[in-house]
Amino acid sequence: MKYICIEVSGDFACFTRPEMKVERVSYDVITPSSARAIFEAILWKPAIRWHIDKIEVLRPIKWMNLRRNEVGKVMAKVTPKSLMKSGKVLGINIEDARQQRAGLFLRDVRYRLHAHFEMTDKAGEGDSLTKFSQMFERRAKKGQCFNQPYLGCREFSAAFTWVNLNEDQPTPINESRDLGWMLYDMDYRNPKEPNPMFFRATLEKGTVHIPAHDSEGVRG
């Protein structure tokens, strides 16, 4: 198993707690699912599946309150045929759907993310761990990505850099505490009804160790 590491940073971040129904309130640190999405933004293939192993917090945890406008509904799902028959224009009038919501967000964040990937049953004969590891390294070093990585919300874009684990790296923050139950990821074994999975997160001298997805530490 080869571990891959990148460093991500951004001015703002919001890893929303699912128990907050109206206002957005962030977890204290990035969630494994958000970290996985950053790796997938750099390199995603049907042949591989990413797993987050460790999150290191490199800057002190800072908070900010912010009010912003959000759209309170989504467009209706219609077929092109029914849309042509109705003669209506597909879209949302923002003035009618705008909602102002308060949020508790993180600011000035920087993390070092450690991950690995495994091959799936969709891997071809020419696919291998080495092939995709080298592909990811090339893309990360050049700053290439399939879509812009973000820190919880799409408007909070993330900058990323490749980390060489053989070189000296900045030390995580010297802080330890219980972070409580945190969203781990979504279980998509039933695509029609995906279920959230949680784990008990602990910050130990600036590091959160992520359990394996099939371990007892992860609960659905």
N, C-alpha and C. Protein backbone atom coordinates (compact mmCIF):
# COMPACT_ATOMS: atom_id res chain seq x y z
N MET A 1 0.85 -1.20 0.00
CA MET A 1 0.00 0.00 0.00
C MET A 1 0.88 1.25 0.00
N LYS A 2 0.62 2.15 -0.93
CA LYS A 2 1.40 3.38 -1.01
C LYS A 2 0.55 4.55 -0.53
N TYR A 3 1.10 5.30 0.44
CA TYR A 3 0.38 6.45 0.97
C TYR A 3 0.71 7.70 0.15
N ILE A 4 -0.31 8.49 -0.11
CA ILE A 4 -0.19 9.71 -0.90
C ILE A 4 -0.58 10.89 -0.04
N CYS A 5 0.14 11.98 -0.17
CA CYS A 5 -0.08 13.12 0.71
C CYS A 5 -0.12 14.42 -0.08
N ILE A 6 -1.08 15.27 0.24
CA ILE A 6 -1.16 16.61 -0.33
C ILE A 6 -1.44 17.61 0.80
N GLU A 7 -1.15 18.87 0.53
CA GLU A 7 -1.46 19.94 1.46
C GLU A 7 -2.50 20.83 0.82
N VAL A 8 -3.55 21.15 1.56
CA VAL A 8 -4.62 21.99 1.03
C VAL A 8 -4.82 23.18 1.95
N SER A 9 -5.23 24.30 1.37
CA SER A 9 -5.44 25.51 2.17
C SER A 9 -6.51 26.36 1.52
N GLY A 10 -7.02 27.30 2.30
CA GLY A 10 -8.04 28.20 1.79
C GLY A 10 -8.36 29.28 2.79
N ASP A 11 -8.96 30.36 2.30
CA ASP A 11 -9.33 31.48 3.18
C ASP A 11 -10.51 31.14 4.07
N PHE A 12 -11.45 30.34 3.53
CA PHE A 12 -12.65 29.99 4.29
C PHE A 12 -12.99 28.52 4.04
N ALA A 13 -13.74 27.93 4.99
CA ALA A 13 -14.17 26.54 4.86
C ALA A 13 -15.43 26.34 5.68
N CYS A 14 -16.24 25.39 5.23
CA CYS A 14 -17.45 25.04 6.00
C CYS A 14 -17.78 23.57 5.73
N PHE A 15 -17.51 22.73 6.71
CA PHE A 15 -17.81 21.31 6.64
C PHE A 15 -19.06 21.09 7.50
N THR A 16 -20.20 21.26 6.88
CA THR A 16 -21.47 21.42 7.58
C THR A 16 -21.86 20.22 8.41
N ARG A 17 -22.26 20.49 9.65
CA ARG A 17 -22.80 19.45 10.52
C ARG A 17 -24.22 19.09 10.05
N PRO A 18 -24.50 17.83 9.77
CA PRO A 18 -25.83 17.46 9.25
C PRO A 18 -26.96 17.68 10.25
N GLU A 19 -26.64 17.75 11.57
CA GLU A 19 -27.72 17.94 12.55
C GLU A 19 -28.26 19.37 12.54
N MET A 20 -27.53 20.30 11.89
CA MET A 20 -28.01 21.68 11.80
C MET A 20 -28.90 21.80 10.57
N LYS A 21 -30.20 21.96 10.79
CA LYS A 21 -31.15 21.89 9.69
C LYS A 21 -31.26 23.19 8.90
N VAL A 22 -31.09 24.34 9.55
CA VAL A 22 -31.30 25.62 8.88
C VAL A 22 -29.99 26.37 8.69
N GLU A 23 -29.32 26.70 9.78
CA GLU A 23 -28.07 27.45 9.68
C GLU A 23 -26.90 26.50 9.44
N ARG A 24 -25.92 26.98 8.72
CA ARG A 24 -24.73 26.17 8.46
C ARG A 24 -23.72 26.36 9.60
N VAL A 25 -23.33 25.26 10.23
CA VAL A 25 -22.32 25.27 11.27
C VAL A 25 -21.28 24.23 10.91
N SER A 26 -20.03 24.63 10.86
CA SER A 26 -18.97 23.74 10.41
C SER A 26 -18.44 22.86 11.53
N TYR A 27 -17.96 21.67 11.15
CA TYR A 27 -17.13 20.89 12.06
C TYR A 27 -15.83 21.67 12.32
N ASP A 28 -15.10 21.27 13.35
CA ASP A 28 -13.85 21.95 13.69
C ASP A 28 -12.76 21.74 12.65
N VAL A 29 -12.77 20.58 12.00
CA VAL A 29 -11.75 20.26 10.99
C VAL A 29 -12.44 19.64 9.78
N ILE A 30 -11.70 19.48 8.72
CA ILE A 30 -12.22 18.89 7.49
C ILE A 30 -12.67 17.46 7.74
N THR A 31 -13.75 17.06 7.12
CA THR A 31 -14.28 15.70 7.27
C THR A 31 -13.60 14.76 6.27
N PRO A 32 -13.58 13.45 6.56
CA PRO A 32 -12.99 12.51 5.60
C PRO A 32 -13.65 12.55 4.22
N SER A 33 -14.96 12.76 4.18
CA SER A 33 -15.64 12.80 2.88
C SER A 33 -15.21 14.02 2.07
N SER A 34 -15.02 15.17 2.72
CA SER A 34 -14.56 16.36 2.01
C SER A 34 -13.12 16.18 1.56
N ALA A 35 -12.30 15.53 2.39
CA ALA A 35 -10.91 15.27 2.00
C ALA A 35 -10.86 14.32 0.81
N ARG A 36 -11.71 13.29 0.83
CA ARG A 36 -11.76 12.35 -0.30
C ARG A 36 -12.14 13.07 -1.59
N ALA A 37 -13.09 14.00 -1.49
CA ALA A 37 -13.53 14.72 -2.68
C ALA A 37 -12.40 15.54 -3.30
N ILE A 38 -11.47 16.03 -2.47
CA ILE A 38 -10.34 16.79 -3.00
C ILE A 38 -9.41 15.87 -3.79
N PHE A 39 -9.14 14.67 -3.26
CA PHE A 39 -8.31 13.72 -4.01
C PHE A 39 -8.99 13.32 -5.31
N GLU A 40 -10.29 13.11 -5.27
CA GLU A 40 -11.02 12.73 -6.49
C GLU A 40 -11.06 13.87 -7.49
N ALA A 41 -11.04 15.11 -7.02
CA ALA A 41 -11.01 16.25 -7.95
C ALA A 41 -9.70 16.28 -8.73
N ILE A 42 -8.63 15.80 -8.11
CA ILE A 42 -7.33 15.76 -8.79
C ILE A 42 -7.24 14.54 -9.70
N LEU A 43 -7.66 13.39 -9.20
CA LEU A 43 -7.64 12.18 -10.02
C LEU A 43 -8.76 11.24 -9.59
N TRP A 44 -9.69 11.00 -10.50
CA TRP A 44 -10.73 10.02 -10.27
C TRP A 44 -10.83 9.12 -11.49
N LYS A 45 -10.88 7.83 -11.23
CA LYS A 45 -11.07 6.83 -12.28
C LYS A 45 -11.98 5.74 -11.71
N PRO A 46 -12.79 5.10 -12.55
CA PRO A 46 -13.63 3.99 -12.05
C PRO A 46 -12.79 2.85 -11.48
N ALA A 47 -11.51 2.80 -11.86
CA ALA A 47 -10.65 1.69 -11.44
C ALA A 47 -10.12 1.84 -10.03
N ILE A 48 -10.27 3.02 -9.40
CA ILE A 48 -9.70 3.23 -8.06
C ILE A 48 -10.74 3.77 -7.09
N ARG A 49 -10.49 3.55 -5.80
CA ARG A 49 -11.35 4.05 -4.74
C ARG A 49 -10.47 4.64 -3.64
N TRP A 50 -10.68 5.92 -3.31
CA TRP A 50 -9.84 6.62 -2.35
C TRP A 50 -10.29 6.36 -0.91
N HIS A 51 -9.30 6.31 0.00
CA HIS A 51 -9.56 6.20 1.43
C HIS A 51 -8.65 7.18 2.17
N ILE A 52 -9.21 7.95 3.08
CA ILE A 52 -8.44 8.91 3.87
C ILE A 52 -7.91 8.21 5.12
N ASP A 53 -6.62 8.39 5.42
CA ASP A 53 -5.98 7.74 6.56
C ASP A 53 -5.69 8.70 7.71
N LYS A 54 -5.33 9.93 7.40
CA LYS A 54 -4.93 10.85 8.46
C LYS A 54 -5.10 12.29 8.00
N ILE A 55 -5.53 13.14 8.92
CA ILE A 55 -5.68 14.58 8.66
C ILE A 55 -4.83 15.32 9.68
N GLU A 56 -3.93 16.16 9.20
CA GLU A 56 -3.10 16.97 10.07
C GLU A 56 -3.51 18.44 9.94
N VAL A 57 -3.78 19.09 11.05
CA VAL A 57 -4.19 20.49 11.07
C VAL A 57 -2.94 21.35 11.24
N LEU A 58 -2.65 22.19 10.26
CA LEU A 58 -1.40 22.95 10.25
C LEU A 58 -1.55 24.39 10.72
N ARG A 59 -2.78 24.86 10.84
CA ARG A 59 -3.01 26.22 11.33
C ARG A 59 -4.03 26.18 12.46
N PRO A 60 -3.94 27.11 13.42
CA PRO A 60 -4.90 27.15 14.53
C PRO A 60 -6.33 27.23 14.00
N ILE A 61 -7.25 26.59 14.72
CA ILE A 61 -8.66 26.58 14.32
C ILE A 61 -9.29 27.93 14.64
N LYS A 62 -9.71 28.64 13.59
CA LYS A 62 -10.31 29.96 13.75
C LYS A 62 -11.72 29.96 13.18
N TRP A 63 -12.59 30.77 13.80
CA TRP A 63 -14.00 30.80 13.42
C TRP A 63 -14.40 32.19 12.95
N MET A 64 -15.50 32.22 12.20
CA MET A 64 -16.09 33.50 11.80
C MET A 64 -17.58 33.32 11.57
N ASN A 65 -18.36 34.36 11.87
CA ASN A 65 -19.79 34.38 11.59
C ASN A 65 -20.03 35.13 10.29
N LEU A 66 -20.92 34.61 9.47
CA LEU A 66 -21.18 35.23 8.18
C LEU A 66 -22.63 35.01 7.78
N ARG A 67 -23.26 36.07 7.27
CA ARG A 67 -24.60 35.96 6.68
C ARG A 67 -24.46 36.00 5.17
N ARG A 68 -25.17 35.14 4.51
CA ARG A 68 -25.08 35.11 3.05
C ARG A 68 -26.41 34.69 2.46
N ASN A 69 -26.57 34.96 1.17
CA ASN A 69 -27.79 34.60 0.46
C ASN A 69 -27.66 33.20 -0.13
N GLU A 70 -28.70 32.42 0.01
CA GLU A 70 -28.76 31.09 -0.59
C GLU A 70 -30.08 30.93 -1.32
N VAL A 71 -30.11 30.00 -2.26
CA VAL A 71 -31.34 29.67 -2.98
C VAL A 71 -32.03 28.55 -2.22
N GLY A 72 -33.29 28.74 -1.90
CA GLY A 72 -34.00 27.83 -1.01
C GLY A 72 -34.70 26.66 -1.68
N LYS A 73 -34.51 26.45 -2.98
CA LYS A 73 -35.15 25.32 -3.64
C LYS A 73 -34.32 24.91 -4.85
N VAL A 74 -34.65 23.76 -5.40
CA VAL A 74 -33.96 23.25 -6.58
C VAL A 74 -34.95 23.22 -7.74
N MET A 75 -34.40 23.17 -8.95
CA MET A 75 -35.25 23.11 -10.12
C MET A 75 -36.00 21.79 -10.19
N ALA A 76 -37.22 21.85 -10.68
CA ALA A 76 -38.02 20.64 -10.82
C ALA A 76 -37.42 19.73 -11.88
N LYS A 77 -37.55 18.42 -11.64
CA LYS A 77 -37.06 17.45 -12.62
C LYS A 77 -38.13 17.23 -13.69
N VAL A 78 -37.81 17.68 -14.89
CA VAL A 78 -38.75 17.51 -16.00
C VAL A 78 -38.00 16.96 -17.20
N THR A 79 -38.72 16.29 -18.07
CA THR A 79 -38.13 15.78 -19.31
C THR A 79 -38.22 16.86 -20.39
N PRO A 80 -37.30 16.84 -21.36
CA PRO A 80 -37.38 17.82 -22.45
C PRO A 80 -38.72 17.81 -23.18
N LYS A 81 -39.32 16.62 -23.29
CA LYS A 81 -40.60 16.51 -24.00
C LYS A 81 -41.70 17.25 -23.25
N SER A 82 -41.78 17.04 -21.94
CA SER A 82 -42.82 17.71 -21.15
C SER A 82 -42.57 19.20 -21.08
N LEU A 83 -41.29 19.59 -21.09
CA LEU A 83 -40.96 21.01 -21.06
C LEU A 83 -41.40 21.71 -22.34
N MET A 84 -41.24 21.05 -23.48
CA MET A 84 -41.65 21.62 -24.75
C MET A 84 -43.18 21.75 -24.82
N LYS A 85 -43.88 20.78 -24.25
CA LYS A 85 -45.34 20.83 -24.28
C LYS A 85 -45.88 21.95 -23.41
N SER A 86 -45.23 22.18 -22.25
CA SER A 86 -45.73 23.19 -21.34
C SER A 86 -45.42 24.61 -21.81
N GLY A 87 -44.35 24.76 -22.58
CA GLY A 87 -43.97 26.09 -23.05
C GLY A 87 -43.31 26.94 -22.00
N LYS A 88 -42.98 26.35 -20.84
CA LYS A 88 -42.35 27.09 -19.76
C LYS A 88 -40.83 27.14 -19.91
N VAL A 89 -40.23 28.09 -19.23
CA VAL A 89 -38.77 28.22 -19.23
C VAL A 89 -38.23 27.52 -17.99
N LEU A 90 -37.25 26.64 -18.18
CA LEU A 90 -36.67 25.90 -17.07
C LEU A 90 -35.70 26.80 -16.31
N GLY A 91 -35.96 27.00 -15.03
CA GLY A 91 -35.08 27.85 -14.24
C GLY A 91 -35.73 28.23 -12.92
N ILE A 92 -35.00 29.01 -12.13
CA ILE A 92 -35.48 29.48 -10.83
C ILE A 92 -35.34 31.00 -10.79
N ASN A 93 -36.39 31.66 -10.37
CA ASN A 93 -36.32 33.10 -10.14
C ASN A 93 -35.65 33.32 -8.78
N ILE A 94 -34.42 33.79 -8.81
CA ILE A 94 -33.64 33.93 -7.57
C ILE A 94 -34.33 34.87 -6.59
N GLU A 95 -34.99 35.91 -7.10
CA GLU A 95 -35.64 36.88 -6.21
C GLU A 95 -36.74 36.22 -5.38
N ASP A 96 -37.39 35.20 -5.95
CA ASP A 96 -38.46 34.52 -5.22
C ASP A 96 -37.93 33.42 -4.29
N ALA A 97 -36.74 32.90 -4.60
CA ALA A 97 -36.22 31.76 -3.83
C ALA A 97 -35.07 32.13 -2.91
N ARG A 98 -34.70 33.40 -2.86
CA ARG A 98 -33.55 33.80 -2.05
C ARG A 98 -33.86 33.71 -0.56
N GLN A 99 -32.90 33.17 0.19
CA GLN A 99 -33.00 33.08 1.65
C GLN A 99 -31.69 33.56 2.26
N GLN A 100 -31.78 34.38 3.29
CA GLN A 100 -30.58 34.82 3.98
C GLN A 100 -30.38 33.96 5.22
N ARG A 101 -29.19 33.35 5.31
CA ARG A 101 -28.90 32.45 6.41
C ARG A 101 -27.57 32.82 7.06
N ALA A 102 -27.51 32.59 8.36
CA ALA A 102 -26.27 32.82 9.09
C ALA A 102 -25.47 31.53 9.12
N GLY A 103 -24.16 31.66 9.22
CA GLY A 103 -23.31 30.48 9.27
C GLY A 103 -22.11 30.70 10.17
N LEU A 104 -21.64 29.61 10.75
CA LEU A 104 -20.41 29.64 11.55
C LEU A 104 -19.37 28.85 10.77
N PHE A 105 -18.43 29.58 10.17
CA PHE A 105 -17.46 28.99 9.26
C PHE A 105 -16.05 29.02 9.84
N LEU A 106 -15.16 28.25 9.21
CA LEU A 106 -13.74 28.28 9.53
C LEU A 106 -13.04 29.27 8.61
N ARG A 107 -11.95 29.85 9.07
CA ARG A 107 -11.19 30.75 8.22
C ARG A 107 -9.69 30.47 8.34
N ASP A 108 -9.00 30.76 7.26
CA ASP A 108 -7.54 30.61 7.20
C ASP A 108 -7.13 29.19 7.57
N VAL A 109 -7.61 28.21 6.80
CA VAL A 109 -7.36 26.80 7.13
C VAL A 109 -6.21 26.25 6.28
N ARG A 110 -5.53 25.26 6.83
CA ARG A 110 -4.46 24.56 6.13
C ARG A 110 -4.36 23.15 6.71
N TYR A 111 -4.44 22.15 5.83
CA TYR A 111 -4.40 20.76 6.26
C TYR A 111 -3.40 19.97 5.42
N ARG A 112 -2.85 18.93 6.05
CA ARG A 112 -2.04 17.95 5.31
C ARG A 112 -2.83 16.65 5.34
N LEU A 113 -3.20 16.17 4.16
CA LEU A 113 -4.08 15.02 4.03
C LEU A 113 -3.31 13.80 3.56
N HIS A 114 -3.46 12.69 4.28
CA HIS A 114 -2.81 11.43 3.92
C HIS A 114 -3.89 10.45 3.46
N ALA A 115 -3.66 9.80 2.34
CA ALA A 115 -4.66 8.89 1.79
C ALA A 115 -4.00 7.76 1.02
N HIS A 116 -4.79 6.77 0.69
CA HIS A 116 -4.35 5.72 -0.21
C HIS A 116 -5.57 5.31 -1.05
N PHE A 117 -5.34 4.57 -2.11
CA PHE A 117 -6.45 4.09 -2.92
C PHE A 117 -6.29 2.60 -3.17
N GLU A 118 -7.41 1.97 -3.47
CA GLU A 118 -7.41 0.55 -3.80
C GLU A 118 -8.03 0.36 -5.17
N MET A 119 -7.70 -0.73 -5.81
CA MET A 119 -8.25 -1.02 -7.12
C MET A 119 -9.66 -1.59 -6.97
N THR A 120 -10.52 -1.24 -7.89
CA THR A 120 -11.89 -1.74 -7.88
C THR A 120 -12.05 -2.84 -8.93
N ASP A 121 -13.23 -3.43 -8.98
CA ASP A 121 -13.47 -4.49 -9.96
C ASP A 121 -13.59 -3.96 -11.38
N LYS A 122 -13.52 -2.63 -11.54
CA LYS A 122 -13.57 -2.03 -12.87
C LYS A 122 -12.18 -1.76 -13.45
N ALA A 123 -11.15 -2.17 -12.73
CA ALA A 123 -9.78 -1.99 -13.21
C ALA A 123 -9.52 -2.89 -14.41
N GLY A 124 -8.78 -2.37 -15.39
CA GLY A 124 -8.43 -3.13 -16.58
C GLY A 124 -7.11 -3.87 -16.42
N GLU A 125 -6.71 -4.57 -17.45
CA GLU A 125 -5.48 -5.36 -17.39
C GLU A 125 -4.25 -4.46 -17.23
N GLY A 126 -4.29 -3.28 -17.82
CA GLY A 126 -3.13 -2.40 -17.75
C GLY A 126 -3.13 -1.49 -16.54
N ASP A 127 -4.13 -1.58 -15.68
CA ASP A 127 -4.22 -0.72 -14.50
C ASP A 127 -3.42 -1.30 -13.34
N SER A 128 -2.81 -0.42 -12.55
CA SER A 128 -2.04 -0.86 -11.39
C SER A 128 -1.93 0.29 -10.40
N LEU A 129 -1.54 -0.04 -9.16
CA LEU A 129 -1.33 0.99 -8.14
C LEU A 129 -0.24 1.96 -8.57
N THR A 130 0.82 1.42 -9.14
CA THR A 130 1.94 2.27 -9.57
C THR A 130 1.52 3.25 -10.66
N LYS A 131 0.74 2.76 -11.60
CA LYS A 131 0.28 3.61 -12.71
C LYS A 131 -0.49 4.81 -12.19
N PHE A 132 -1.46 4.58 -11.32
CA PHE A 132 -2.30 5.68 -10.85
C PHE A 132 -1.58 6.55 -9.81
N SER A 133 -0.65 5.97 -9.06
CA SER A 133 0.14 6.77 -8.12
C SER A 133 0.99 7.78 -8.87
N GLN A 134 1.63 7.34 -9.93
CA GLN A 134 2.45 8.24 -10.74
C GLN A 134 1.59 9.28 -11.46
N MET A 135 0.42 8.86 -11.89
CA MET A 135 -0.49 9.78 -12.56
C MET A 135 -0.95 10.87 -11.60
N PHE A 136 -1.29 10.49 -10.36
CA PHE A 136 -1.72 11.47 -9.38
C PHE A 136 -0.58 12.43 -9.05
N GLU A 137 0.61 11.91 -8.86
CA GLU A 137 1.76 12.77 -8.52
C GLU A 137 2.01 13.81 -9.62
N ARG A 138 1.97 13.38 -10.87
CA ARG A 138 2.18 14.31 -11.98
C ARG A 138 1.12 15.41 -11.98
N ARG A 139 -0.12 15.03 -11.80
CA ARG A 139 -1.21 16.00 -11.84
C ARG A 139 -1.13 16.96 -10.65
N ALA A 140 -0.84 16.42 -9.46
CA ALA A 140 -0.79 17.27 -8.27
C ALA A 140 0.36 18.27 -8.36
N LYS A 141 1.50 17.84 -8.87
CA LYS A 141 2.65 18.73 -8.99
C LYS A 141 2.39 19.85 -9.99
N LYS A 142 1.60 19.57 -11.02
CA LYS A 142 1.29 20.58 -12.04
C LYS A 142 0.06 21.42 -11.67
N GLY A 143 -0.62 21.07 -10.58
CA GLY A 143 -1.82 21.79 -10.19
C GLY A 143 -3.02 21.45 -11.05
N GLN A 144 -3.01 20.26 -11.67
CA GLN A 144 -4.11 19.86 -12.55
C GLN A 144 -5.23 19.20 -11.74
N CYS A 145 -6.46 19.42 -12.17
CA CYS A 145 -7.61 18.80 -11.51
C CYS A 145 -8.77 18.73 -12.50
N PHE A 146 -9.65 17.76 -12.31
CA PHE A 146 -10.82 17.61 -13.16
C PHE A 146 -11.85 18.70 -12.86
N ASN A 147 -11.97 19.08 -11.60
CA ASN A 147 -12.82 20.19 -11.19
C ASN A 147 -12.14 20.86 -10.00
N GLN A 148 -12.47 22.13 -9.77
CA GLN A 148 -11.82 22.89 -8.72
C GLN A 148 -12.14 22.31 -7.34
N PRO A 149 -11.13 21.85 -6.59
CA PRO A 149 -11.39 21.35 -5.23
C PRO A 149 -11.93 22.47 -4.34
N TYR A 150 -12.75 22.10 -3.38
CA TYR A 150 -13.32 23.12 -2.50
C TYR A 150 -13.37 22.58 -1.06
N LEU A 151 -13.51 23.50 -0.13
CA LEU A 151 -13.47 23.18 1.29
C LEU A 151 -14.87 23.19 1.89
N GLY A 152 -15.63 22.16 1.58
CA GLY A 152 -16.97 22.01 2.13
C GLY A 152 -18.06 22.62 1.28
N CYS A 153 -17.91 23.89 0.90
CA CYS A 153 -18.85 24.59 0.02
C CYS A 153 -18.12 25.00 -1.25
N ARG A 154 -18.80 24.96 -2.36
CA ARG A 154 -18.14 25.19 -3.64
C ARG A 154 -17.55 26.59 -3.77
N GLU A 155 -18.11 27.57 -3.04
CA GLU A 155 -17.56 28.92 -3.14
C GLU A 155 -16.27 29.08 -2.35
N PHE A 156 -15.92 28.06 -1.53
CA PHE A 156 -14.68 28.11 -0.75
C PHE A 156 -13.64 27.22 -1.44
N SER A 157 -13.02 27.75 -2.48
CA SER A 157 -12.07 26.95 -3.25
C SER A 157 -10.82 26.63 -2.45
N ALA A 158 -10.19 25.52 -2.79
CA ALA A 158 -9.00 25.05 -2.08
C ALA A 158 -7.80 25.05 -3.00
N ALA A 159 -6.68 25.52 -2.49
CA ALA A 159 -5.39 25.39 -3.18
C ALA A 159 -4.74 24.10 -2.68
N PHE A 160 -4.02 23.40 -3.55
CA PHE A 160 -3.40 22.14 -3.15
C PHE A 160 -1.99 22.04 -3.71
N THR A 161 -1.13 21.34 -2.97
CA THR A 161 0.25 21.09 -3.40
C THR A 161 0.62 19.66 -3.06
N TRP A 162 1.51 19.10 -3.85
CA TRP A 162 2.02 17.75 -3.61
C TRP A 162 2.98 17.78 -2.43
N VAL A 163 2.93 16.75 -1.58
CA VAL A 163 3.82 16.66 -0.42
C VAL A 163 4.71 15.43 -0.57
N ASN A 164 6.02 15.66 -0.50
CA ASN A 164 6.99 14.57 -0.52
C ASN A 164 7.23 14.12 0.92
N LEU A 165 6.77 12.94 1.26
CA LEU A 165 6.85 12.46 2.63
C LEU A 165 8.28 12.16 3.07
N ASN A 166 9.22 12.14 2.14
CA ASN A 166 10.62 11.92 2.49
C ASN A 166 11.32 13.21 2.91
N GLU A 167 10.63 14.32 2.79
CA GLU A 167 11.21 15.61 3.19
C GLU A 167 10.57 16.09 4.49
N ASP A 168 11.28 16.96 5.21
CA ASP A 168 10.75 17.52 6.45
C ASP A 168 9.52 18.38 6.15
N GLN A 169 8.49 18.24 7.01
CA GLN A 169 7.24 18.96 6.81
C GLN A 169 6.90 19.76 8.06
N PRO A 170 6.10 20.82 7.92
CA PRO A 170 5.68 21.61 9.08
C PRO A 170 4.97 20.75 10.12
N THR A 171 5.17 21.08 11.38
CA THR A 171 4.55 20.33 12.47
C THR A 171 3.09 20.76 12.65
N PRO A 172 2.18 19.80 12.87
CA PRO A 172 0.77 20.17 13.12
C PRO A 172 0.65 21.00 14.40
N ILE A 173 -0.50 21.61 14.58
CA ILE A 173 -0.73 22.44 15.76
C ILE A 173 -0.66 21.57 17.02
N ASN A 174 -0.24 22.13 18.12
CA ASN A 174 -0.12 21.40 19.38
C ASN A 174 -1.43 21.51 20.16
N GLU A 175 -2.42 20.79 19.70
CA GLU A 175 -3.74 20.83 20.34
C GLU A 175 -4.36 19.45 20.32
N SER A 176 -4.95 19.05 21.43
CA SER A 176 -5.61 17.75 21.54
C SER A 176 -6.96 17.92 22.21
N ARG A 177 -7.99 17.32 21.63
CA ARG A 177 -9.32 17.36 22.25
C ARG A 177 -10.27 16.44 21.49
N ASP A 178 -11.37 16.14 22.15
CA ASP A 178 -12.40 15.30 21.55
C ASP A 178 -13.25 16.16 20.62
N LEU A 179 -13.40 15.74 19.38
CA LEU A 179 -14.19 16.49 18.40
C LEU A 179 -15.62 15.97 18.29
N GLY A 180 -15.93 14.92 19.03
CA GLY A 180 -17.28 14.38 18.99
C GLY A 180 -17.51 13.52 17.76
N TRP A 181 -18.77 13.18 17.53
CA TRP A 181 -19.12 12.37 16.36
C TRP A 181 -19.05 13.22 15.10
N MET A 182 -18.37 12.71 14.11
CA MET A 182 -18.16 13.45 12.86
C MET A 182 -18.62 12.60 11.68
N LEU A 183 -19.13 13.27 10.67
CA LEU A 183 -19.53 12.57 9.44
C LEU A 183 -18.31 11.92 8.80
N TYR A 184 -18.40 10.64 8.54
CA TYR A 184 -17.30 9.90 7.89
C TYR A 184 -17.46 9.94 6.38
N ASP A 185 -18.59 9.46 5.91
CA ASP A 185 -18.88 9.46 4.48
C ASP A 185 -20.30 8.94 4.29
N MET A 186 -20.70 8.81 3.04
CA MET A 186 -22.01 8.25 2.73
C MET A 186 -21.86 6.82 2.23
N ASP A 187 -22.74 5.97 2.67
CA ASP A 187 -22.76 4.58 2.24
C ASP A 187 -23.70 4.46 1.04
N TYR A 188 -23.10 4.20 -0.14
CA TYR A 188 -23.89 4.17 -1.38
C TYR A 188 -24.18 2.74 -1.85
N ARG A 189 -24.13 1.79 -0.93
CA ARG A 189 -24.44 0.43 -1.37
C ARG A 189 -25.87 0.32 -1.87
N ASN A 190 -26.74 1.17 -1.32
CA ASN A 190 -28.09 1.30 -1.87
C ASN A 190 -28.18 2.70 -2.48
N PRO A 191 -27.92 2.85 -3.78
CA PRO A 191 -27.86 4.18 -4.40
C PRO A 191 -29.13 5.00 -4.22
N LYS A 192 -30.28 4.33 -4.09
CA LYS A 192 -31.54 5.06 -3.95
C LYS A 192 -31.69 5.66 -2.56
N GLU A 193 -31.08 5.05 -1.56
CA GLU A 193 -31.17 5.55 -0.19
C GLU A 193 -29.79 5.50 0.48
N PRO A 194 -28.88 6.40 0.11
CA PRO A 194 -27.56 6.41 0.75
C PRO A 194 -27.66 6.78 2.22
N ASN A 195 -26.89 6.11 3.05
CA ASN A 195 -26.94 6.34 4.49
C ASN A 195 -25.64 6.99 4.97
N PRO A 196 -25.74 7.97 5.87
CA PRO A 196 -24.53 8.60 6.42
C PRO A 196 -23.83 7.68 7.40
N MET A 197 -22.50 7.75 7.43
CA MET A 197 -21.70 6.99 8.39
C MET A 197 -20.93 7.99 9.26
N PHE A 198 -20.76 7.67 10.53
CA PHE A 198 -20.10 8.57 11.47
C PHE A 198 -18.98 7.85 12.22
N PHE A 199 -18.05 8.63 12.78
CA PHE A 199 -17.01 8.07 13.63
C PHE A 199 -16.68 9.07 14.72
N ARG A 200 -16.11 8.58 15.81
CA ARG A 200 -15.74 9.45 16.92
C ARG A 200 -14.37 10.05 16.63
N ALA A 201 -14.35 11.35 16.35
CA ALA A 201 -13.11 12.02 15.95
C ALA A 201 -12.39 12.58 17.17
N THR A 202 -11.07 12.41 17.19
CA THR A 202 -10.24 12.93 18.26
C THR A 202 -9.04 13.64 17.66
N LEU A 203 -8.80 14.85 18.09
CA LEU A 203 -7.63 15.61 17.66
C LEU A 203 -6.50 15.34 18.65
N GLU A 204 -5.44 14.70 18.18
CA GLU A 204 -4.29 14.36 19.03
C GLU A 204 -3.05 15.08 18.52
N LYS A 205 -2.67 16.13 19.24
CA LYS A 205 -1.52 16.96 18.84
C LYS A 205 -1.64 17.38 17.38
N GLY A 206 -2.83 17.85 17.03
CA GLY A 206 -3.06 18.38 15.69
C GLY A 206 -3.37 17.36 14.62
N THR A 207 -3.55 16.09 15.01
CA THR A 207 -3.76 15.02 14.03
C THR A 207 -5.04 14.25 14.32
N VAL A 208 -5.82 13.99 13.28
CA VAL A 208 -7.02 13.15 13.38
C VAL A 208 -6.75 11.88 12.59
N HIS A 209 -6.74 10.74 13.27
CA HIS A 209 -6.55 9.45 12.61
C HIS A 209 -7.91 8.91 12.18
N ILE A 210 -8.00 8.53 10.93
CA ILE A 210 -9.28 8.10 10.35
C ILE A 210 -9.35 6.58 10.33
N PRO A 211 -10.37 5.97 10.93
CA PRO A 211 -10.48 4.51 10.91
C PRO A 211 -10.85 4.00 9.51
N ALA A 212 -10.60 2.73 9.28
CA ALA A 212 -10.98 2.11 8.02
C ALA A 212 -12.50 2.07 7.90
N HIS A 213 -12.99 2.15 6.67
CA HIS A 213 -14.44 2.25 6.47
C HIS A 213 -15.19 1.02 6.95
N ASP A 214 -14.51 -0.14 7.02
CA ASP A 214 -15.17 -1.36 7.46
C ASP A 214 -14.82 -1.74 8.90
N SER A 215 -14.28 -0.79 9.67
CA SER A 215 -13.90 -1.06 11.05
C SER A 215 -15.06 -0.80 11.99
N GLU A 216 -14.90 -1.24 13.25
CA GLU A 216 -15.95 -1.03 14.25
C GLU A 216 -16.08 0.43 14.65
N GLY A 217 -15.05 1.24 14.34
CA GLY A 217 -15.10 2.66 14.70
C GLY A 217 -16.02 3.48 13.83
N VAL A 218 -16.49 2.90 12.73
CA VAL A 218 -17.39 3.60 11.81
C VAL A 218 -18.79 3.02 11.97
N ARG A 219 -19.75 3.91 12.21
CA ARG A 219 -21.12 3.47 12.44
C ARG A 219 -22.07 4.09 11.43
N GLY A 220 -23.00 3.29 10.94
CA GLY A 220 -23.95 3.77 9.98
C GLY A 220 -25.25 4.20 10.63
